[in-house]
PDB file of N, CA and C in Angstrom:
ATOM      1  N   MET A   1      48.493 -16.989 -22.412  1.00  0.00           N
ATOM      2  CA  MET A   1      47.915 -16.301 -23.359  1.00  0.00           C
ATOM      3  C   MET A   1      46.914 -16.611 -23.990  1.00  0.00           C
ATOM      4  N   GLY A   2      45.552 -16.182 -23.766  1.00  0.00           N
ATOM      5  CA  GLY A   2      44.853 -16.969 -24.936  1.00  0.00           C
ATOM      6  C   GLY A   2      44.510 -16.147 -26.587  1.00  0.00           C
ATOM      7  N   VAL A   3      43.832 -17.245 -27.220  1.00  0.00           N
ATOM      8  CA  VAL A   3      43.937 -17.257 -28.986  1.00  0.00           C
ATOM      9  C   VAL A   3      43.439 -15.992 -29.108  1.00  0.00           C
ATOM     10  N   LEU A   4      42.846 -14.729 -28.462  1.00  0.00           N
ATOM     11  CA  LEU A   4      42.211 -13.772 -28.277  1.00  0.00           C
ATOM     12  C   LEU A   4      42.760 -12.126 -28.156  1.00  0.00           C
ATOM     13  N   ALA A   5      44.527 -12.715 -27.947  1.00  0.00           N
ATOM     14  CA  ALA A   5      44.881 -11.398 -27.220  1.00  0.00           C
ATOM     15  C   ALA A   5      45.324 -10.782 -28.357  1.00  0.00           C
ATOM     16  N   ASP A   6      45.615 -10.715 -29.867  1.00  0.00           N
ATOM     17  CA  ASP A   6      46.007 -10.045 -30.330  1.00  0.00           C
ATOM     18  C   ASP A   6      44.591  -9.122 -30.911  1.00  0.00           C
ATOM     19  N   LEU A   7      43.760  -9.350 -30.368  1.00  0.00           N
ATOM     20  CA  LEU A   7      42.518  -8.948 -30.800  1.00  0.00           C
ATOM     21  C   LEU A   7      41.784  -7.516 -29.923  1.00  0.00           C
ATOM     22  N   VAL A   8      42.144  -7.868 -28.858  1.00  0.00           N
ATOM     23  CA  VAL A   8      42.287  -6.865 -27.544  1.00  0.00           C
ATOM     24  C   VAL A   8      41.895  -5.728 -27.755  1.00  0.00           C
ATOM     25  N   THR A   9      43.213  -5.047 -28.158  1.00  0.00           N
ATOM     26  CA  THR A   9      43.449  -3.549 -28.638  1.00  0.00           C
ATOM     27  C   THR A   9      42.889  -3.143 -29.432  1.00  0.00           C
ATOM     28  N   GLN A  10      42.400  -3.880 -30.311  1.00  0.00           N
ATOM     29  CA  GLN A  10      41.642  -3.933 -31.625  1.00  0.00           C
ATOM     30  C   GLN A  10      40.005  -3.528 -31.218  1.00  0.00           C
ATOM     31  N   ALA A  11      39.635  -4.046 -30.539  1.00  0.00           N
ATOM     32  CA  ALA A  11      37.890  -4.140 -30.075  1.00  0.00           C
ATOM     33  C   ALA A  11      37.912  -3.244 -29.323  1.00  0.00           C
ATOM     34  N   GLN A  12      38.395  -2.278 -29.211  1.00  0.00           N
ATOM     35  CA  GLN A  12      37.972  -0.721 -28.466  1.00  0.00           C
ATOM     36  C   GLN A  12      37.617  -0.071 -29.262  1.00  0.00           C
ATOM     37  N   PRO A  13      35.830   0.242 -29.463  1.00  0.00           N
ATOM     38  CA  PRO A  13      34.928  -0.127 -27.933  1.00  0.00           C
ATOM     39  C   PRO A  13      34.744  -1.832 -28.683  1.00  0.00           C
ATOM     40  N   ALA A  14      34.833  -2.236 -30.419  1.00  0.00           N
ATOM     41  CA  ALA A  14      34.278  -3.368 -30.662  1.00  0.00           C
ATOM     42  C   ALA A  14      34.944  -3.262 -32.041  1.00  0.00           C
ATOM     43  N   LEU A  15      35.119  -4.532 -32.765  1.00  0.00           N
ATOM     44  CA  LEU A  15      36.113  -4.958 -33.453  1.00  0.00           C
ATOM     45  C   LEU A  15      34.655  -4.330 -34.975  1.00  0.00           C
ATOM     46  N   VAL A  16      33.983  -4.055 -34.843  1.00  0.00           N
ATOM     47  CA  VAL A  16      32.852  -3.633 -35.558  1.00  0.00           C
ATOM     48  C   VAL A  16      32.706  -2.146 -34.821  1.00  0.00           C
ATOM     49  N   GLY A  17      33.132  -1.428 -34.660  1.00  0.00           N
ATOM     50  CA  GLY A  17      33.004  -0.412 -34.061  1.00  0.00           C
ATOM     51  C   GLY A  17      31.747   0.331 -34.261  1.00  0.00           C
ATOM     52  N   GLY A  18      31.483   0.170 -35.624  1.00  0.00           N
ATOM     53  CA  GLY A  18      30.144   1.126 -36.332  1.00  0.00           C
ATOM     54  C   GLY A  18      29.046   0.004 -36.358  1.00  0.00           C
ATOM     55  N   GLY A  19      29.370  -0.797 -35.394  1.00  0.00           N
ATOM     56  CA  GLY A  19      27.662  -1.750 -35.088  1.00  0.00           C
ATOM     57  C   GLY A  19      27.584  -2.516 -36.556  1.00  0.00           C
ATOM     58  N   CYS A  20      26.821  -3.453 -36.235  1.00  0.00           N
ATOM     59  CA  CYS A  20      26.413  -4.597 -37.266  1.00  0.00           C
ATOM     60  C   CYS A  20      25.318  -4.836 -37.437  1.00  0.00           C
ATOM     61  N   THR A  21      24.531  -4.352 -38.768  1.00  0.00           N
ATOM     62  CA  THR A  21      22.920  -4.484 -38.982  1.00  0.00           C
ATOM     63  C   THR A  21      22.500  -5.317 -39.373  1.00  0.00           C
ATOM     64  N   ALA A  22      21.495  -6.038 -39.424  1.00  0.00           N
ATOM     65  CA  ALA A  22      21.184  -7.430 -39.747  1.00  0.00           C
ATOM     66  C   ALA A  22      19.648  -7.729 -39.956  1.00  0.00           C
ATOM     67  N   LYS A  23      18.675  -8.083 -41.111  1.00  0.00           N
ATOM     68  CA  LYS A  23      17.359  -8.529 -41.093  1.00  0.00           C
ATOM     69  C   LYS A  23      17.098 -10.099 -41.244  1.00  0.00           C
ATOM     70  N   ALA A  24      16.855 -10.675 -40.333  1.00  0.00           N
ATOM     71  CA  ALA A  24      16.011 -11.950 -40.832  1.00  0.00           C
ATOM     72  C   ALA A  24      14.381 -12.422 -40.312  1.00  0.00           C
ATOM     73  N   THR A  25      13.969 -12.916 -41.178  1.00  0.00           N
ATOM     74  CA  THR A  25      12.592 -13.086 -41.114  1.00  0.00           C
ATOM     75  C   THR A  25      12.267 -14.928 -40.066  1.00  0.00           C
ATOM     76  N   ALA A  26      11.105 -14.411 -39.011  1.00  0.00           N
ATOM     77  CA  ALA A  26      10.699 -15.336 -37.882  1.00  0.00           C
ATOM     78  C   ALA A  26      10.644 -16.478 -38.743  1.00  0.00           C
ATOM     79  N   GLY A  27      10.563 -18.078 -38.237  1.00  0.00           N
ATOM     80  CA  GLY A  27       9.949 -19.086 -39.178  1.00  0.00           C
ATOM     81  C   GLY A  27      11.199 -19.584 -40.032  1.00  0.00           C
ATOM     82  N   ALA A  28      11.978 -18.591 -40.209  1.00  0.00           N
ATOM     83  CA  ALA A  28      13.012 -19.387 -41.288  1.00  0.00           C
ATOM     84  C   ALA A  28      14.652 -19.395 -40.763  1.00  0.00           C
ATOM     85  N   THR A  29      15.042 -20.611 -41.168  1.00  0.00           N
ATOM     86  CA  THR A  29      16.635 -20.265 -40.705  1.00  0.00           C
ATOM     87  C   THR A  29      17.395 -18.983 -40.864  1.00  0.00           C
ATOM     88  N   TRP A  30      18.420 -18.839 -40.251  1.00  0.00           N
ATOM     89  CA  TRP A  30      19.274 -17.776 -39.761  1.00  0.00           C
ATOM     90  C   TRP A  30      20.402 -17.936 -39.985  1.00  0.00           C
ATOM     91  N   LEU A  31      21.194 -17.346 -40.452  1.00  0.00           N
ATOM     92  CA  LEU A  31      22.929 -18.078 -40.325  1.00  0.00           C
ATOM     93  C   LEU A  31      23.647 -16.774 -41.259  1.00  0.00           C
ATOM     94  N   TRP A  32      25.000 -16.662 -40.792  1.00  0.00           N
ATOM     95  CA  TRP A  32      25.091 -15.574 -41.242  1.00  0.00           C
ATOM     96  C   TRP A  32      27.098 -15.933 -40.749  1.00  0.00           C
ATOM     97  N   GLN A  33      27.760 -15.730 -41.954  1.00  0.00           N
ATOM     98  CA  GLN A  33      29.443 -16.317 -41.824  1.00  0.00           C
ATOM     99  C   GLN A  33      30.260 -15.269 -41.997  1.00  0.00           C
ATOM    100  N   PHE A  34      31.241 -15.469 -41.281  1.00  0.00           N
ATOM    101  CA  PHE A  34      32.689 -14.200 -40.988  1.00  0.00           C
ATOM    102  C   PHE A  34      33.805 -15.308 -41.437  1.00  0.00           C
ATOM    103  N   TYR A  35      34.803 -14.451 -41.983  1.00  0.00           N
ATOM    104  CA  TYR A  35      35.637 -14.986 -42.360  1.00  0.00           C
ATOM    105  C   TYR A  35      37.206 -14.128 -41.990  1.00  0.00           C
ATOM    106  N   ASP A  36      38.352 -13.969 -42.301  1.00  0.00           N
ATOM    107  CA  ASP A  36      39.110 -13.504 -42.181  1.00  0.00           C
ATOM    108  C   ASP A  36      39.570 -12.556 -40.731  1.00  0.00           C
ATOM    109  N   ILE A  37      39.151 -13.843 -39.546  1.00  0.00           N
ATOM    110  CA  ILE A  37      39.569 -12.770 -38.403  1.00  0.00           C
ATOM    111  C   ILE A  37      40.823 -13.773 -38.303  1.00  0.00           C
ATOM    112  N   ASN A  38      41.990 -12.506 -38.113  1.00  0.00           N
ATOM    113  CA  ASN A  38      43.027 -12.891 -38.321  1.00  0.00           C
ATOM    114  C   ASN A  38      44.198 -12.083 -36.887  1.00  0.00           C
ATOM    115  N   ASP A  39      45.469 -12.127 -36.668  1.00  0.00           N
ATOM    116  CA  ASP A  39      45.980 -11.557 -35.669  1.00  0.00           C
ATOM    117  C   ASP A  39      46.782 -11.189 -35.822  1.00  0.00           C
ATOM    118  N   THR A  40      47.510 -10.271 -35.496  1.00  0.00           N
ATOM    119  CA  THR A  40      48.396  -9.138 -35.916  1.00  0.00           C
ATOM    120  C   THR A  40      49.278  -9.588 -37.092  1.00  0.00           C
ATOM    121  N   ALA A  41      50.145 -10.492 -37.142  1.00  0.00           N
ATOM    122  CA  ALA A  41      50.490 -11.077 -38.205  1.00  0.00           C
ATOM    123  C   ALA A  41      50.078 -11.589 -39.535  1.00  0.00           C
ATOM    124  N   GLY A  42      48.864 -11.711 -39.447  1.00  0.00           N
ATOM    125  CA  GLY A  42      47.771 -11.622 -40.168  1.00  0.00           C
ATOM    126  C   GLY A  42      47.840 -13.313 -40.472  1.00  0.00           C
ATOM    127  N   ASP A  43      47.828 -13.814 -39.696  1.00  0.00           N
ATOM    128  CA  ASP A  43      47.735 -15.405 -39.578  1.00  0.00           C
ATOM    129  C   ASP A  43      46.130 -15.717 -38.759  1.00  0.00           C
ATOM    130  N   PRO A  44      45.164 -16.783 -39.554  1.00  0.00           N
ATOM    131  CA  PRO A  44      43.753 -16.854 -39.174  1.00  0.00           C
ATOM    132  C   PRO A  44      44.029 -17.457 -37.451  1.00  0.00           C
ATOM    133  N   ILE A  45      43.633 -16.838 -36.772  1.00  0.00           N
ATOM    134  CA  ILE A  45      42.983 -17.087 -35.369  1.00  0.00           C
ATOM    135  C   ILE A  45      42.081 -18.401 -35.030  1.00  0.00           C
ATOM    136  N   ASP A  46      42.564 -19.450 -34.345  1.00  0.00           N
ATOM    137  CA  ASP A  46      42.041 -20.504 -34.101  1.00  0.00           C
ATOM    138  C   ASP A  46      40.744 -20.630 -33.389  1.00  0.00           C
ATOM    139  N   LEU A  47      39.177 -20.094 -33.545  1.00  0.00           N
ATOM    140  CA  LEU A  47      37.900 -20.021 -33.052  1.00  0.00           C
ATOM    141  C   LEU A  47      37.697 -20.939 -32.652  1.00  0.00           C
ATOM    142  N   SER A  48      37.648 -22.541 -32.827  1.00  0.00           N
ATOM    143  CA  SER A  48      37.308 -23.899 -32.291  1.00  0.00           C
ATOM    144  C   SER A  48      37.298 -23.964 -31.400  1.00  0.00           C
ATOM    145  N   ALA A  49      38.001 -23.167 -30.030  1.00  0.00           N
ATOM    146  CA  ALA A  49      37.579 -23.217 -28.888  1.00  0.00           C
ATOM    147  C   ALA A  49      36.900 -21.995 -28.244  1.00  0.00           C
ATOM    148  N   VAL A  50      36.886 -21.358 -28.917  1.00  0.00           N
ATOM    149  CA  VAL A  50      36.392 -20.123 -28.386  1.00  0.00           C
ATOM    150  C   VAL A  50      35.143 -20.165 -28.018  1.00  0.00           C
ATOM    151  N   THR A  51      34.068 -19.263 -27.082  1.00  0.00           N
ATOM    152  CA  THR A  51      32.668 -18.971 -27.170  1.00  0.00           C
ATOM    153  C   THR A  51      32.507 -18.173 -27.849  1.00  0.00           C
ATOM    154  N   GLY A  52      31.403 -18.011 -28.266  1.00  0.00           N
ATOM    155  CA  GLY A  52      30.810 -16.818 -29.127  1.00  0.00           C
ATOM    156  C   GLY A  52      29.478 -16.861 -28.512  1.00  0.00           C
ATOM    157  N   THR A  53      28.796 -15.200 -28.168  1.00  0.00           N
ATOM    158  CA  THR A  53      27.502 -14.870 -27.800  1.00  0.00           C
ATOM    159  C   THR A  53      26.967 -13.929 -28.534  1.00  0.00           C
ATOM    160  N   CYS A  54      26.085 -14.315 -29.286  1.00  0.00           N
ATOM    161  CA  CYS A  54      25.617 -13.109 -29.898  1.00  0.00           C
ATOM    162  C   CYS A  54      23.831 -13.252 -29.582  1.00  0.00           C
ATOM    163  N   GLU A  55      23.763 -12.249 -28.430  1.00  0.00           N
ATOM    164  CA  GLU A  55      21.919 -12.312 -28.283  1.00  0.00           C
ATOM    165  C   GLU A  55      21.109 -11.162 -29.158  1.00  0.00           C
ATOM    166  N   VAL A  56      20.240 -11.312 -29.526  1.00  0.00           N
ATOM    167  CA  VAL A  56      18.970 -10.394 -29.760  1.00  0.00           C
ATOM    168  C   VAL A  56      18.525  -9.642 -28.606  1.00  0.00           C
ATOM    169  N   VAL A  57      18.284  -8.325 -28.591  1.00  0.00           N
ATOM    170  CA  VAL A  57      17.365  -7.762 -27.097  1.00  0.00           C
ATOM    171  C   VAL A  57      17.040  -6.625 -28.018  1.00  0.00           C
ATOM    172  N   ASP A  58      15.957  -6.952 -26.648  1.00  0.00           N
ATOM    173  CA  ASP A  58      15.154  -5.370 -27.490  1.00  0.00           C
ATOM    174  C   ASP A  58      15.485  -4.212 -26.789  1.00  0.00           C
ATOM    175  N   SER A  59      14.317  -3.539 -26.481  1.00  0.00           N
ATOM    176  CA  SER A  59      14.969  -1.781 -26.280  1.00  0.00           C
ATOM    177  C   SER A  59      15.395  -2.059 -24.499  1.00  0.00           C
ATOM    178  N   ASP A  60      14.548  -3.000 -23.842  1.00  0.00           N
ATOM    179  CA  ASP A  60      14.957  -2.923 -22.512  1.00  0.00           C
ATOM    180  C   ASP A  60      15.884  -3.711 -21.933  1.00  0.00           C
ATOM    181  N   GLU A  61      16.694  -4.358 -23.001  1.00  0.00           N
ATOM    182  CA  GLU A  61      18.142  -4.777 -22.371  1.00  0.00           C
ATOM    183  C   GLU A  61      17.730  -6.098 -22.439  1.00  0.00           C
ATOM    184  N   ASN A  62      16.066  -6.635 -22.989  1.00  0.00           N
ATOM    185  CA  ASN A  62      15.904  -8.232 -22.340  1.00  0.00           C
ATOM    186  C   ASN A  62      16.340  -9.579 -23.530  1.00  0.00           C
ATOM    187  N   VAL A  63      16.818 -10.221 -23.328  1.00  0.00           N
ATOM    188  CA  VAL A  63      17.149 -10.971 -24.699  1.00  0.00           C
ATOM    189  C   VAL A  63      16.441 -12.099 -24.590  1.00  0.00           C
ATOM    190  N   VAL A  64      15.882 -11.545 -26.293  1.00  0.00           N
ATOM    191  CA  VAL A  64      15.120 -12.230 -26.887  1.00  0.00           C
ATOM    192  C   VAL A  64      15.385 -13.304 -27.676  1.00  0.00           C
ATOM    193  N   THR A  65      16.240 -13.636 -28.259  1.00  0.00           N
ATOM    194  CA  THR A  65      16.797 -15.155 -28.504  1.00  0.00           C
ATOM    195  C   THR A  65      18.629 -14.865 -28.235  1.00  0.00           C
ATOM    196  N   THR A  66      18.963 -15.908 -28.524  1.00  0.00           N
ATOM    197  CA  THR A  66      20.586 -16.140 -28.078  1.00  0.00           C
ATOM    198  C   THR A  66      20.870 -17.100 -29.664  1.00  0.00           C
ATOM    199  N   LEU A  67      22.011 -16.455 -30.592  1.00  0.00           N
ATOM    200  CA  LEU A  67      21.873 -17.300 -31.719  1.00  0.00           C
ATOM    201  C   LEU A  67      22.881 -18.535 -31.031  1.00  0.00           C
ATOM    202  N   ASP A  68      23.024 -19.729 -32.846  1.00  0.00           N
ATOM    203  CA  ASP A  68      24.368 -20.732 -32.018  1.00  0.00           C
ATOM    204  C   ASP A  68      25.383 -19.975 -32.800  1.00  0.00           C
ATOM    205  N   PHE A  69      26.703 -20.120 -32.113  1.00  0.00           N
ATOM    206  CA  PHE A  69      27.994 -20.181 -32.510  1.00  0.00           C
ATOM    207  C   PHE A  69      28.917 -21.534 -32.955  1.00  0.00           C
ATOM    208  N   ASP A  70      29.449 -21.529 -34.506  1.00  0.00           N
ATOM    209  CA  ASP A  70      30.385 -22.231 -34.407  1.00  0.00           C
ATOM    210  C   ASP A  70      31.511 -21.680 -34.940  1.00  0.00           C
ATOM    211  N   GLY A  71      32.707 -21.321 -34.030  1.00  0.00           N
ATOM    212  CA  GLY A  71      33.789 -21.279 -34.766  1.00  0.00           C
ATOM    213  C   GLY A  71      35.058 -22.413 -35.655  1.00  0.00           C
ATOM    214  N   ASP A  72      35.307 -22.081 -36.415  1.00  0.00           N
ATOM    215  CA  ASP A  72      37.024 -22.913 -36.665  1.00  0.00           C
ATOM    216  C   ASP A  72      38.021 -22.775 -36.578  1.00  0.00           C
ATOM    217  N   ASN A  73      39.170 -23.667 -37.036  1.00  0.00           N
ATOM    218  CA  ASN A  73      40.074 -23.176 -36.468  1.00  0.00           C
ATOM    219  C   ASN A  73      41.204 -22.373 -37.682  1.00  0.00           C
ATOM    220  N   ASP A  74      40.249 -22.057 -38.627  1.00  0.00           N
ATOM    221  CA  ASP A  74      40.769 -21.013 -40.159  1.00  0.00           C
ATOM    222  C   ASP A  74      40.632 -19.808 -39.517  1.00  0.00           C
ATOM    223  N   GLY A  75      39.985 -19.280 -38.870  1.00  0.00           N
ATOM    224  CA  GLY A  75      39.686 -17.481 -38.794  1.00  0.00           C
ATOM    225  C   GLY A  75      38.266 -17.362 -38.963  1.00  0.00           C
ATOM    226  N   THR A  76      37.148 -18.597 -39.219  1.00  0.00           N
ATOM    227  CA  THR A  76      36.182 -18.636 -39.746  1.00  0.00           C
ATOM    228  C   THR A  76      35.003 -18.845 -38.898  1.00  0.00           C
ATOM    229  N   PHE A  77      33.765 -18.427 -38.609  1.00  0.00           N
ATOM    230  CA  PHE A  77      32.811 -18.589 -38.206  1.00  0.00           C
ATOM    231  C   PHE A  77      31.218 -18.610 -38.503  1.00  0.00           C
ATOM    232  N   THR A  78      30.641 -18.936 -37.929  1.00  0.00           N
ATOM    233  CA  THR A  78      29.348 -18.885 -38.369  1.00  0.00           C
ATOM    234  C   THR A  78      27.975 -18.264 -36.919  1.00  0.00           C
ATOM    235  N   ILE A  79      27.191 -17.693 -37.382  1.00  0.00           N
ATOM    236  CA  ILE A  79      26.089 -17.707 -36.422  1.00  0.00           C
ATOM    237  C   ILE A  79      25.268 -17.903 -36.866  1.00  0.00           C
ATOM    238  N   GLY A  80      24.021 -18.580 -36.117  1.00  0.00           N
ATOM    239  CA  GLY A  80      22.157 -18.762 -36.720  1.00  0.00           C
ATOM    240  C   GLY A  80      21.569 -19.389 -35.906  1.00  0.00           C
ATOM    241  N   LEU A  81      20.566 -19.793 -36.306  1.00  0.00           N
ATOM    242  CA  LEU A  81      19.211 -20.349 -35.578  1.00  0.00           C
ATOM    243  C   LEU A  81      18.545 -21.017 -36.671  1.00  0.00           C
ATOM    244  N   ASP A  82      18.233 -22.181 -36.021  1.00  0.00           N
ATOM    245  CA  ASP A  82      17.205 -23.181 -37.110  1.00  0.00           C
ATOM    246  C   ASP A  82      16.058 -22.258 -37.042  1.00  0.00           C
ATOM    247  N   GLU A  83      15.060 -22.798 -38.191  1.00  0.00           N
ATOM    248  CA  GLU A  83      13.682 -21.936 -38.366  1.00  0.00           C
ATOM    249  C   GLU A  83      13.048 -22.391 -36.888  1.00  0.00           C
ATOM    250  N   GLY A  84      12.850 -23.454 -36.625  1.00  0.00           N
ATOM    251  CA  GLY A  84      12.149 -24.082 -35.108  1.00  0.00           C
ATOM    252  C   GLY A  84      12.564 -22.963 -34.125  1.00  0.00           C
ATOM    253  N   ASP A  85      13.503 -22.405 -34.116  1.00  0.00           N
ATOM    254  CA  ASP A  85      13.484 -21.622 -32.961  1.00  0.00           C
ATOM    255  C   ASP A  85      13.576 -20.174 -33.109  1.00  0.00           C
ATOM    256  N   THR A  86      13.115 -19.901 -34.477  1.00  0.00           N
ATOM    257  CA  THR A  86      13.126 -18.475 -34.922  1.00  0.00           C
ATOM    258  C   THR A  86      10.944 -18.183 -35.299  1.00  0.00           C
ATOM    259  N   VAL A  87      10.637 -19.321 -35.121  1.00  0.00           N
ATOM    260  CA  VAL A  87       9.104 -19.388 -35.755  1.00  0.00           C
ATOM    261  C   VAL A  87       8.703 -18.377 -34.764  1.00  0.00           C
ATOM    262  N   ALA A  88       8.509 -18.625 -33.054  1.00  0.00           N
ATOM    263  CA  ALA A  88       7.694 -18.041 -32.768  1.00  0.00           C
ATOM    264  C   ALA A  88       8.397 -16.441 -31.958  1.00  0.00           C
ATOM    265  N   LEU A  89       8.757 -15.816 -32.713  1.00  0.00           N
ATOM    266  CA  LEU A  89       9.825 -14.725 -32.214  1.00  0.00           C
ATOM    267  C   LEU A  89       9.082 -13.547 -32.935  1.00  0.00           C
ATOM    268  N   ALA A  90       8.669 -12.570 -32.145  1.00  0.00           N
ATOM    269  CA  ALA A  90       7.954 -11.601 -32.769  1.00  0.00           C
ATOM    270  C   ALA A  90       8.728 -10.680 -33.780  1.00  0.00           C
ATOM    271  N   PRO A  91       8.502 -10.465 -35.005  1.00  0.00           N
ATOM    272  CA  PRO A  91       8.196  -9.171 -36.021  1.00  0.00           C
ATOM    273  C   PRO A  91       8.837  -7.939 -35.074  1.00  0.00           C
ATOM    274  N   GLY A  92       9.685  -7.163 -35.440  1.00  0.00           N
ATOM    275  CA  GLY A  92      10.071  -6.557 -34.783  1.00  0.00           C
ATOM    276  C   GLY A  92      11.076  -5.913 -35.009  1.00  0.00           C
ATOM    277  N   LYS A  93      11.492  -4.724 -34.501  1.00  0.00           N
ATOM    278  CA  LYS A  93      13.105  -4.008 -34.343  1.00  0.00           C
ATOM    279  C   LYS A  93      13.693  -3.969 -32.885  1.00  0.00           C
ATOM    280  N   TYR A  94      14.997  -4.462 -32.887  1.00  0.00           N
ATOM    281  CA  TYR A  94      16.018  -5.079 -32.315  1.00  0.00           C
ATOM    282  C   TYR A  94      17.146  -4.800 -32.247  1.00  0.00           C
ATOM    283  N   ARG A  95      17.684  -4.929 -31.344  1.00  0.00           N
ATOM    284  CA  ARG A  95      19.526  -4.498 -31.149  1.00  0.00           C
ATOM    285  C   ARG A  95      20.127  -6.448 -31.265  1.00  0.00           C
ATOM    286  N   TRP A  96      21.183  -6.391 -31.626  1.00  0.00           N
ATOM    287  CA  TRP A  96      21.902  -7.309 -31.485  1.00  0.00           C
ATOM    288  C   TRP A  96      23.530  -6.835 -31.040  1.00  0.00           C
ATOM    289  N   ARG A  97      23.843  -8.043 -30.283  1.00  0.00           N
ATOM    290  CA  ARG A  97      25.565  -7.509 -29.958  1.00  0.00           C
ATOM    291  C   ARG A  97      26.397  -9.300 -29.633  1.00  0.00           C
ATOM    292  N   PHE A  98      27.473  -9.179 -29.668  1.00  0.00           N
ATOM    293  CA  PHE A  98      28.439 -10.384 -30.139  1.00  0.00           C
ATOM    294  C   PHE A  98      29.239 -10.457 -29.356  1.00  0.00           C
ATOM    295  N   SER A  99      30.050 -11.458 -28.799  1.00  0.00           N
ATOM    296  CA  SER A  99      31.065 -11.194 -28.120  1.00  0.00           C
ATOM    297  C   SER A  99      31.829 -12.755 -28.452  1.00  0.00           C
ATOM    298  N   LEU A 100      33.436 -12.392 -28.181  1.00  0.00           N
ATOM    299  CA  LEU A 100      33.793 -13.591 -28.204  1.00  0.00           C
ATOM    300  C   LEU A 100      34.832 -13.881 -26.798  1.00  0.00           C
ATOM    301  N   ASP A 101      35.122 -15.340 -26.311  1.00  0.00           N
ATOM    302  CA  ASP A 101      35.518 -15.547 -25.016  1.00  0.00           C
ATOM    303  C   ASP A 101      36.452 -16.524 -25.257  1.00  0.00           C
ATOM    304  N   ASP A 102      37.543 -16.469 -24.923  1.00  0.00           N
ATOM    305  CA  ASP A 102      38.585 -17.775 -25.142  1.00  0.00           C
ATOM    306  C   ASP A 102      39.431 -18.197 -23.730  1.00  0.00           C
ATOM    307  N   ALA A 103      38.247 -17.917 -22.811  1.00  0.00           N
ATOM    308  CA  ALA A 103      38.826 -18.302 -21.100  1.00  0.00           C
ATOM    309  C   ALA A 103      40.032 -17.128 -20.653  1.00  0.00           C
ATOM    310  N   THR A 104      40.094 -16.415 -21.369  1.00  0.00           N
ATOM    311  CA  THR A 104      41.473 -15.821 -21.104  1.00  0.00           C
ATOM    312  C   THR A 104      41.074 -14.121 -21.224  1.00  0.00           C
ATOM    313  N   ASP A 105      40.859 -14.056 -22.517  1.00  0.00           N
ATOM    314  CA  ASP A 105      39.871 -12.754 -22.888  1.00  0.00           C
ATOM    315  C   ASP A 105      38.443 -12.957 -23.534  1.00  0.00           C
ATOM    316  N   VAL A 106      37.881 -11.382 -23.477  1.00  0.00           N
ATOM    317  CA  VAL A 106      36.748 -11.581 -23.325  1.00  0.00           C
ATOM    318  C   VAL A 106      36.861 -10.384 -25.011  1.00  0.00           C
ATOM    319  N   VAL A 107      36.558 -10.220 -25.941  1.00  0.00           N
ATOM    320  CA  VAL A 107      36.546  -9.267 -26.805  1.00  0.00           C
ATOM    321  C   VAL A 107      35.187  -9.066 -27.847  1.00  0.00           C
ATOM    322  N   GLN A 108      34.780  -7.468 -27.353  1.00  0.00           N
ATOM    323  CA  GLN A 108      33.522  -7.556 -28.166  1.00  0.00           C
ATOM    324  C   GLN A 108      33.717  -7.594 -29.657  1.00  0.00           C
ATOM    325  N   PHE A 109      33.022  -8.197 -30.465  1.00  0.00           N
ATOM    326  CA  PHE A 109      32.883  -7.931 -31.640  1.00  0.00           C
ATOM    327  C   PHE A 109      31.781  -7.332 -31.938  1.00  0.00           C
ATOM    328  N   TRP A 110      31.090  -6.919 -31.987  1.00  0.00           N
ATOM    329  CA  TRP A 110      29.994  -5.736 -32.206  1.00  0.00           C
ATOM    330  C   TRP A 110      29.124  -5.413 -30.824  1.00  0.00           C
ATOM    331  N   GLY A 111      28.895  -3.967 -30.464  1.00  0.00           N
ATOM    332  CA  GLY A 111      28.037  -3.705 -29.434  1.00  0.00           C
ATOM    333  C   GLY A 111      26.483  -3.738 -30.018  1.00  0.00           C
ATOM    334  N   GLY A 112      26.021  -3.534 -28.975  1.00  0.00           N
ATOM    335  CA  GLY A 112      24.430  -3.617 -29.309  1.00  0.00           C
ATOM    336  C   GLY A 112      23.950  -2.258 -29.597  1.00  0.00           C
ATOM    337  N   GLN A 113      24.653  -1.677 -28.904  1.00  0.00           N
ATOM    338  CA  GLN A 113      23.874   0.210 -29.154  1.00  0.00           C
ATOM    339  C   GLN A 113      23.834   0.657 -30.597  1.00  0.00           C
ATOM    340  N   ALA A 114      24.916   0.409 -31.482  1.00  0.00           N
ATOM    341  CA  ALA A 114      25.218   0.766 -32.801  1.00  0.00           C
ATOM    342  C   ALA A 114      24.805  -0.495 -33.669  1.00  0.00           C
ATOM    343  N   SER A 115      24.211  -1.463 -33.333  1.00  0.00           N
ATOM    344  CA  SER A 115      23.639  -2.897 -34.078  1.00  0.00           C
ATOM    345  C   SER A 115      21.967  -2.897 -34.256  1.00  0.00           C
ATOM    346  N   LYS A 116      21.463  -2.618 -35.175  1.00  0.00           N
ATOM    347  CA  LYS A 116      20.109  -2.643 -35.332  1.00  0.00           C
ATOM    348  C   LYS A 116      19.876  -4.309 -36.004  1.00  0.00           C
ATOM    349  N   PHE A 117      19.055  -4.586 -35.329  1.00  0.00           N
ATOM    350  CA  PHE A 117      18.229  -6.240 -35.751  1.00  0.00           C
ATOM    351  C   PHE A 117      17.246  -6.162 -35.970  1.00  0.00           C
ATOM    352  N   VAL A 118      16.389  -6.097 -37.276  1.00  0.00           N
ATOM    353  CA  VAL A 118      14.985  -6.025 -37.603  1.00  0.00           C
ATOM    354  C   VAL A 118      14.244  -8.291 -37.983  1.00  0.00           C
ATOM    355  N   ILE A 119      13.449  -8.212 -37.093  1.00  0.00           N
ATOM    356  CA  ILE A 119      12.851  -9.325 -37.487  1.00  0.00           C
ATOM    357  C   ILE A 119      11.438  -8.868 -38.368  1.00  0.00           C
ATOM    358  N   GLU A 120      11.489  -9.672 -39.303  1.00  0.00           N
ATOM    359  CA  GLU A 120      10.858  -9.528 -40.012  1.00  0.00           C
ATOM    360  C   GLU A 120       9.409 -10.604 -40.353  1.00  0.00           C
ATOM    361  N   GLU A 121       8.053 -10.242 -40.456  1.00  0.00           N
ATOM    362  CA  GLU A 121       7.397 -11.555 -40.978  1.00  0.00           C
ATOM    363  C   GLU A 121       7.430 -12.428 -41.539  1.00  0.00           C
ATOM    364  N   ALA A 122       7.200 -13.332 -41.391  1.00  0.00           N
ATOM    365  CA  ALA A 122       7.449 -14.413 -42.551  1.00  0.00           C
ATOM    366  C   ALA A 122       6.120 -14.648 -43.771  1.00  0.00           C
TER     367      ALA A 122
END
């Protein structure tokens, strides 16, 4: 059984079912931190060996950029990009989606349909 097994039933359609909205600035460092990712017993889930995929997509579902994921063993993780990776991104309105994969289960953390992402001009 994978470390995400307890999240599978909670993630229908996604753990953050209402979506996740964010704004970021082109040419700046982006960083979001998430806490308290726990199993059904309330214990932190070890995310250190989990793969997180967070993509910003345009209206045609083309991937504009993929954010870096760093999971920890205490039920926390960060997603973000360095300024060198955001400088060439075009300002505009996009969507973003994020999933976790432990090689046994894939859990949709938030879906792109309800998750707006705006890149603002520096």
